[in-house]
Amino acid sequence: MVSAIVFWNALAEAVVFYEMWATGASTRAELADDMGLGILLLVVVPPGTIILSSIMAWGIWRHLKKRQL
């Protein structure tokens, strides 16, 4: 659960920084009317969070499974 929150926040920040770089905005306030940012957040953050959290859960499960044997 914690990994989902961390990945969600990290991906959202990465999208905002990318959009600031792509549009040349110097502050987040300049992105207030940017529709592309909302679309990027919707398309990148939820699927990315699910994928990264699944990979993390699989890695932890695999590591713990080895310790039980």
PDB file of N, CA and C in Angstrom:
ATOM      1  N   MET A   1       0.826  -1.193   0.000  1.00  0.00           N
ATOM      2  CA  MET A   1       0.000   0.000   0.000  1.00  0.00           C
ATOM      3  C   MET A   1       0.870   1.258   0.000  1.00  0.00           C
ATOM      4  N   VAL A   2       1.910   1.225   0.803  1.00  0.00           N
ATOM      5  CA  VAL A   2       2.785   2.392   0.872  1.00  0.00           C
ATOM      6  C   VAL A   2       3.488   2.610  -0.463  1.00  0.00           C
ATOM      7  N   SER A   3       3.861   1.506  -1.129  1.00  0.00           N
ATOM      8  CA  SER A   3       4.553   1.661  -2.406  1.00  0.00           C
ATOM      9  C   SER A   3       3.664   2.342  -3.435  1.00  0.00           C
ATOM     10  N   ALA A   4       2.351   2.077  -3.416  1.00  0.00           N
ATOM     11  CA  ALA A   4       1.443   2.722  -4.363  1.00  0.00           C
ATOM     12  C   ALA A   4       1.412   4.230  -4.146  1.00  0.00           C
ATOM     13  N   ILE A   5       1.391   4.661  -2.898  1.00  0.00           N
ATOM     14  CA  ILE A   5       1.368   6.096  -2.594  1.00  0.00           C
ATOM     15  C   ILE A   5       2.678   6.753  -3.037  1.00  0.00           C
ATOM     16  N   VAL A   6       3.773   6.091  -2.764  1.00  0.00           N
ATOM     17  CA  VAL A   6       5.080   6.639  -3.134  1.00  0.00           C
ATOM     18  C   VAL A   6       5.225   6.705  -4.656  1.00  0.00           C
ATOM     19  N   PHE A   7       4.856   5.623  -5.351  1.00  0.00           N
ATOM     20  CA  PHE A   7       4.964   5.624  -6.808  1.00  0.00           C
ATOM     21  C   PHE A   7       4.020   6.641  -7.441  1.00  0.00           C
ATOM     22  N   TRP A   8       2.804   6.774  -6.889  1.00  0.00           N
ATOM     23  CA  TRP A   8       1.845   7.758  -7.413  1.00  0.00           C
ATOM     24  C   TRP A   8       2.449   9.164  -7.338  1.00  0.00           C
ATOM     25  N   ASN A   9       3.004   9.507  -6.172  1.00  0.00           N
ATOM     26  CA  ASN A   9       3.582  10.828  -5.972  1.00  0.00           C
ATOM     27  C   ASN A   9       4.797  11.032  -6.879  1.00  0.00           C
ATOM     28  N   ALA A  10       5.660  10.039  -6.969  1.00  0.00           N
ATOM     29  CA  ALA A  10       6.865  10.163  -7.795  1.00  0.00           C
ATOM     30  C   ALA A  10       6.513  10.321  -9.274  1.00  0.00           C
ATOM     31  N   LEU A  11       5.563   9.544  -9.754  1.00  0.00           N
ATOM     32  CA  LEU A  11       5.162   9.655 -11.159  1.00  0.00           C
ATOM     33  C   LEU A  11       4.481  10.989 -11.444  1.00  0.00           C
ATOM     34  N   ALA A  12       3.652  11.451 -10.521  1.00  0.00           N
ATOM     35  CA  ALA A  12       2.987  12.744 -10.716  1.00  0.00           C
ATOM     36  C   ALA A  12       4.009  13.876 -10.775  1.00  0.00           C
ATOM     37  N   GLU A  13       5.008  13.830  -9.898  1.00  0.00           N
ATOM     38  CA  GLU A  13       6.053  14.853  -9.925  1.00  0.00           C
ATOM     39  C   GLU A  13       6.858  14.783 -11.220  1.00  0.00           C
ATOM     40  N   ALA A  14       7.151  13.573 -11.678  1.00  0.00           N
ATOM     41  CA  ALA A  14       7.899  13.412 -12.933  1.00  0.00           C
ATOM     42  C   ALA A  14       7.108  13.980 -14.109  1.00  0.00           C
ATOM     43  N   VAL A  15       5.798  13.759 -14.132  1.00  0.00           N
ATOM     44  CA  VAL A  15       4.957  14.290 -15.208  1.00  0.00           C
ATOM     45  C   VAL A  15       4.936  15.810 -15.163  1.00  0.00           C
ATOM     46  N   VAL A  16       4.818  16.390 -13.986  1.00  0.00           N
ATOM     47  CA  VAL A  16       4.795  17.851 -13.861  1.00  0.00           C
ATOM     48  C   VAL A  16       6.128  18.437 -14.319  1.00  0.00           C
ATOM     49  N   PHE A  17       7.237  17.838 -13.896  1.00  0.00           N
ATOM     50  CA  PHE A  17       8.546  18.345 -14.326  1.00  0.00           C
ATOM     51  C   PHE A  17       8.724  18.213 -15.834  1.00  0.00           C
ATOM     52  N   TYR A  18       8.248  17.102 -16.410  1.00  0.00           N
ATOM     53  CA  TYR A  18       8.329  16.938 -17.865  1.00  0.00           C
ATOM     54  C   TYR A  18       7.507  18.010 -18.572  1.00  0.00           C
ATOM     55  N   GLU A  19       6.303  18.248 -18.096  1.00  0.00           N
ATOM     56  CA  GLU A  19       5.436  19.252 -18.731  1.00  0.00           C
ATOM     57  C   GLU A  19       6.027  20.656 -18.593  1.00  0.00           C
ATOM     58  N   MET A  20       6.640  20.951 -17.452  1.00  0.00           N
ATOM     59  CA  MET A  20       7.296  22.254 -17.284  1.00  0.00           C
ATOM     60  C   MET A  20       8.445  22.392 -18.272  1.00  0.00           C
ATOM     61  N   TRP A  21       9.201  21.311 -18.461  1.00  0.00           N
ATOM     62  CA  TRP A  21      10.324  21.345 -19.407  1.00  0.00           C
ATOM     63  C   TRP A  21       9.815  21.484 -20.838  1.00  0.00           C
ATOM     64  N   ALA A  22       8.754  20.724 -21.174  1.00  0.00           N
ATOM     65  CA  ALA A  22       8.249  20.723 -22.547  1.00  0.00           C
ATOM     66  C   ALA A  22       7.605  22.054 -22.933  1.00  0.00           C
ATOM     67  N   THR A  23       6.959  22.731 -21.989  1.00  0.00           N
ATOM     68  CA  THR A  23       6.275  23.986 -22.312  1.00  0.00           C
ATOM     69  C   THR A  23       7.125  25.215 -22.013  1.00  0.00           C
ATOM     70  N   GLY A  24       8.225  25.029 -21.306  1.00  0.00           N
ATOM     71  CA  GLY A  24       9.064  26.162 -20.960  1.00  0.00           C
ATOM     72  C   GLY A  24       8.544  26.963 -19.779  1.00  0.00           C
ATOM     73  N   ALA A  25       7.638  26.380 -19.018  1.00  0.00           N
ATOM     74  CA  ALA A  25       7.089  27.066 -17.844  1.00  0.00           C
ATOM     75  C   ALA A  25       8.142  27.125 -16.744  1.00  0.00           C
ATOM     76  N   SER A  26       8.190  28.246 -16.056  1.00  0.00           N
ATOM     77  CA  SER A  26       9.170  28.379 -14.984  1.00  0.00           C
ATOM     78  C   SER A  26       8.568  28.085 -13.608  1.00  0.00           C
ATOM     79  N   THR A  27       7.244  28.124 -13.508  1.00  0.00           N
ATOM     80  CA  THR A  27       6.571  27.809 -12.239  1.00  0.00           C
ATOM     81  C   THR A  27       5.391  26.881 -12.515  1.00  0.00           C
ATOM     82  N   ARG A  28       4.926  26.240 -11.447  1.00  0.00           N
ATOM     83  CA  ARG A  28       3.755  25.368 -11.593  1.00  0.00           C
ATOM     84  C   ARG A  28       2.486  26.167 -11.861  1.00  0.00           C
ATOM     85  N   ALA A  29       2.452  27.397 -11.428  1.00  0.00           N
ATOM     86  CA  ALA A  29       1.270  28.238 -11.642  1.00  0.00           C
ATOM     87  C   ALA A  29       1.020  28.467 -13.132  1.00  0.00           C
ATOM     88  N   GLU A  30       2.076  28.489 -13.924  1.00  0.00           N
ATOM     89  CA  GLU A  30       1.915  28.685 -15.366  1.00  0.00           C
ATOM     90  C   GLU A  30       1.257  27.485 -16.037  1.00  0.00           C
ATOM     91  N   LEU A  31       1.222  26.340 -15.375  1.00  0.00           N
ATOM     92  CA  LEU A  31       0.611  25.143 -15.948  1.00  0.00           C
ATOM     93  C   LEU A  31      -0.870  25.017 -15.611  1.00  0.00           C
ATOM     94  N   ALA A  32      -1.440  26.004 -14.946  1.00  0.00           N
ATOM     95  CA  ALA A  32      -2.823  25.917 -14.478  1.00  0.00           C
ATOM     96  C   ALA A  32      -3.824  25.720 -15.618  1.00  0.00           C
ATOM     97  N   ASP A  33      -3.590  26.325 -16.750  1.00  0.00           N
ATOM     98  CA  ASP A  33      -4.523  26.219 -17.872  1.00  0.00           C
ATOM     99  C   ASP A  33      -4.074  25.218 -18.928  1.00  0.00           C
ATOM    100  N   ASP A  34      -3.111  24.380 -18.603  1.00  0.00           N
ATOM    101  CA  ASP A  34      -2.569  23.445 -19.576  1.00  0.00           C
ATOM    102  C   ASP A  34      -3.342  22.129 -19.546  1.00  0.00           C
ATOM    103  N   MET A  35      -4.101  21.867 -20.599  1.00  0.00           N
ATOM    104  CA  MET A  35      -4.891  20.634 -20.679  1.00  0.00           C
ATOM    105  C   MET A  35      -3.990  19.408 -20.843  1.00  0.00           C
ATOM    106  N   GLY A  36      -2.839  19.595 -21.471  1.00  0.00           N
ATOM    107  CA  GLY A  36      -1.916  18.479 -21.684  1.00  0.00           C
ATOM    108  C   GLY A  36      -1.433  17.873 -20.385  1.00  0.00           C
ATOM    109  N   LEU A  37      -1.269  18.695 -19.363  1.00  0.00           N
ATOM    110  CA  LEU A  37      -0.829  18.187 -18.066  1.00  0.00           C
ATOM    111  C   LEU A  37      -1.875  17.242 -17.483  1.00  0.00           C
ATOM    112  N   GLY A  38      -3.129  17.607 -17.554  1.00  0.00           N
ATOM    113  CA  GLY A  38      -4.196  16.738 -17.043  1.00  0.00           C
ATOM    114  C   GLY A  38      -4.276  15.423 -17.786  1.00  0.00           C
ATOM    115  N   ILE A  39      -4.109  15.491 -19.096  1.00  0.00           N
ATOM    116  CA  ILE A  39      -4.140  14.269 -19.892  1.00  0.00           C
ATOM    117  C   ILE A  39      -2.950  13.385 -19.545  1.00  0.00           C
ATOM    118  N   LEU A  40      -1.773  13.976 -19.439  1.00  0.00           N
ATOM    119  CA  LEU A  40      -0.589  13.194 -19.072  1.00  0.00           C
ATOM    120  C   LEU A  40      -0.747  12.560 -17.693  1.00  0.00           C
ATOM    121  N   LEU A  41      -1.274  13.324 -16.751  1.00  0.00           N
ATOM    122  CA  LEU A  41      -1.475  12.771 -15.407  1.00  0.00           C
ATOM    123  C   LEU A  41      -2.444  11.590 -15.440  1.00  0.00           C
ATOM    124  N   LEU A  42      -3.490  11.695 -16.233  1.00  0.00           N
ATOM    125  CA  LEU A  42      -4.486  10.632 -16.321  1.00  0.00           C
ATOM    126  C   LEU A  42      -3.943   9.395 -17.037  1.00  0.00           C
ATOM    127  N   VAL A  43      -3.131   9.597 -18.047  1.00  0.00           N
ATOM    128  CA  VAL A  43      -2.652   8.481 -18.863  1.00  0.00           C
ATOM    129  C   VAL A  43      -1.413   7.814 -18.263  1.00  0.00           C
ATOM    130  N   VAL A  44      -0.576   8.549 -17.571  1.00  0.00           N
ATOM    131  CA  VAL A  44       0.692   8.010 -17.089  1.00  0.00           C
ATOM    132  C   VAL A  44       0.624   7.533 -15.646  1.00  0.00           C
ATOM    133  N   VAL A  45       0.054   8.311 -14.761  1.00  0.00           N
ATOM    134  CA  VAL A  45       0.179   8.037 -13.327  1.00  0.00           C
ATOM    135  C   VAL A  45      -0.587   6.784 -12.873  1.00  0.00           C
ATOM    136  N   PRO A  46      -1.893   6.625 -13.146  1.00  0.00           N
ATOM    137  CA  PRO A  46      -2.570   5.416 -12.643  1.00  0.00           C
ATOM    138  C   PRO A  46      -1.995   4.098 -13.181  1.00  0.00           C
ATOM    139  N   PRO A  47      -1.799   3.956 -14.514  1.00  0.00           N
ATOM    140  CA  PRO A  47      -1.224   2.686 -14.975  1.00  0.00           C
ATOM    141  C   PRO A  47       0.211   2.477 -14.483  1.00  0.00           C
ATOM    142  N   GLY A  48       0.983   3.538 -14.450  1.00  0.00           N
ATOM    143  CA  GLY A  48       2.360   3.423 -13.964  1.00  0.00           C
ATOM    144  C   GLY A  48       2.419   3.000 -12.510  1.00  0.00           C
ATOM    145  N   THR A  49       1.497   3.514 -11.710  1.00  0.00           N
ATOM    146  CA  THR A  49       1.451   3.142 -10.295  1.00  0.00           C
ATOM    147  C   THR A  49       1.104   1.666 -10.136  1.00  0.00           C
ATOM    148  N   ILE A  50       0.135   1.193 -10.893  1.00  0.00           N
ATOM    149  CA  ILE A  50      -0.256  -0.219 -10.815  1.00  0.00           C
ATOM    150  C   ILE A  50       0.889  -1.121 -11.257  1.00  0.00           C
ATOM    151  N   ILE A  51       1.537  -0.771 -12.342  1.00  0.00           N
ATOM    152  CA  ILE A  51       2.639  -1.588 -12.850  1.00  0.00           C
ATOM    153  C   ILE A  51       3.807  -1.608 -11.867  1.00  0.00           C
ATOM    154  N   LEU A  52       4.235  -0.447 -11.408  1.00  0.00           N
ATOM    155  CA  LEU A  52       5.371  -0.391 -10.487  1.00  0.00           C
ATOM    156  C   LEU A  52       5.052  -1.047  -9.141  1.00  0.00           C
ATOM    157  N   SER A  53       3.847  -0.878  -8.641  1.00  0.00           N
ATOM    158  CA  SER A  53       3.474  -1.526  -7.382  1.00  0.00           C
ATOM    159  C   SER A  53       3.418  -3.043  -7.540  1.00  0.00           C
ATOM    160  N   SER A  54       2.955  -3.506  -8.693  1.00  0.00           N
ATOM    161  CA  SER A  54       2.926  -4.948  -8.947  1.00  0.00           C
ATOM    162  C   SER A  54       4.337  -5.523  -9.013  1.00  0.00           C
ATOM    163  N   ILE A  55       5.234  -4.812  -9.665  1.00  0.00           N
ATOM    164  CA  ILE A  55       6.625  -5.257  -9.733  1.00  0.00           C
ATOM    165  C   ILE A  55       7.241  -5.287  -8.338  1.00  0.00           C
ATOM    166  N   MET A  56       6.964  -4.280  -7.544  1.00  0.00           N
ATOM    167  CA  MET A  56       7.483  -4.235  -6.176  1.00  0.00           C
ATOM    168  C   MET A  56       6.928  -5.393  -5.346  1.00  0.00           C
ATOM    169  N   ALA A  57       5.628  -5.650  -5.441  1.00  0.00           N
ATOM    170  CA  ALA A  57       5.016  -6.750  -4.687  1.00  0.00           C
ATOM    171  C   ALA A  57       5.590  -8.091  -5.122  1.00  0.00           C
ATOM    172  N   TRP A  58       5.764  -8.271  -6.417  1.00  0.00           N
ATOM    173  CA  TRP A  58       6.346  -9.514  -6.927  1.00  0.00           C
ATOM    174  C   TRP A  58       7.764  -9.698  -6.412  1.00  0.00           C
ATOM    175  N   GLY A  59       8.553  -8.633  -6.424  1.00  0.00           N
ATOM    176  CA  GLY A  59       9.928  -8.717  -5.936  1.00  0.00           C
ATOM    177  C   GLY A  59       9.997  -9.052  -4.457  1.00  0.00           C
ATOM    178  N   ILE A  60       9.140  -8.443  -3.667  1.00  0.00           N
ATOM    179  CA  ILE A  60       9.116  -8.727  -2.223  1.00  0.00           C
ATOM    180  C   ILE A  60       8.651 -10.153  -1.980  1.00  0.00           C
ATOM    181  N   TRP A  61       7.595 -10.572  -2.681  1.00  0.00           N
ATOM    182  CA  TRP A  61       7.094 -11.931  -2.535  1.00  0.00           C
ATOM    183  C   TRP A  61       8.171 -12.947  -2.906  1.00  0.00           C
ATOM    184  N   ARG A  62       8.874 -12.702  -3.985  1.00  0.00           N
ATOM    185  CA  ARG A  62       9.933 -13.619  -4.430  1.00  0.00           C
ATOM    186  C   ARG A  62      11.055 -13.684  -3.396  1.00  0.00           C
ATOM    187  N   HIS A  63      11.432 -12.541  -2.867  1.00  0.00           N
ATOM    188  CA  HIS A  63      12.498 -12.504  -1.853  1.00  0.00           C
ATOM    189  C   HIS A  63      12.073 -13.247  -0.586  1.00  0.00           C
ATOM    190  N   LEU A  64      10.848 -13.029  -0.132  1.00  0.00           N
ATOM    191  CA  LEU A  64      10.379 -13.692   1.078  1.00  0.00           C
ATOM    192  C   LEU A  64      10.176 -15.189   0.864  1.00  0.00           C
ATOM    193  N   LYS A  65       9.800 -15.585  -0.348  1.00  0.00           N
ATOM    194  CA  LYS A  65       9.618 -17.002  -0.650  1.00  0.00           C
ATOM    195  C   LYS A  65      10.954 -17.735  -0.546  1.00  0.00           C
ATOM    196  N   LYS A  66      12.034 -17.118  -0.998  1.00  0.00           N
ATOM    197  CA  LYS A  66      13.357 -17.722  -0.901  1.00  0.00           C
ATOM    198  C   LYS A  66      13.788 -17.895   0.548  1.00  0.00           C
ATOM    199  N   ARG A  67      13.405 -16.983   1.406  1.00  0.00           N
ATOM    200  CA  ARG A  67      13.794 -17.055   2.818  1.00  0.00           C
ATOM    201  C   ARG A  67      13.072 -18.169   3.540  1.00  0.00           C
ATOM    202  N   GLN A  68      11.885 -18.556   3.097  1.00  0.00           N
ATOM    203  CA  GLN A  68      11.130 -19.614   3.765  1.00  0.00           C
ATOM    204  C   GLN A  68      11.728 -20.985   3.508  1.00  0.00           C
ATOM    205  N   LEU A  69      12.350 -21.174   2.359  1.00  0.00           N
ATOM    206  CA  LEU A  69      12.916 -22.486   2.024  1.00  0.00           C
ATOM    207  C   LEU A  69      14.145 -22.703   2.793  1.00  0.00           C
TER     208      LEU A  69
END
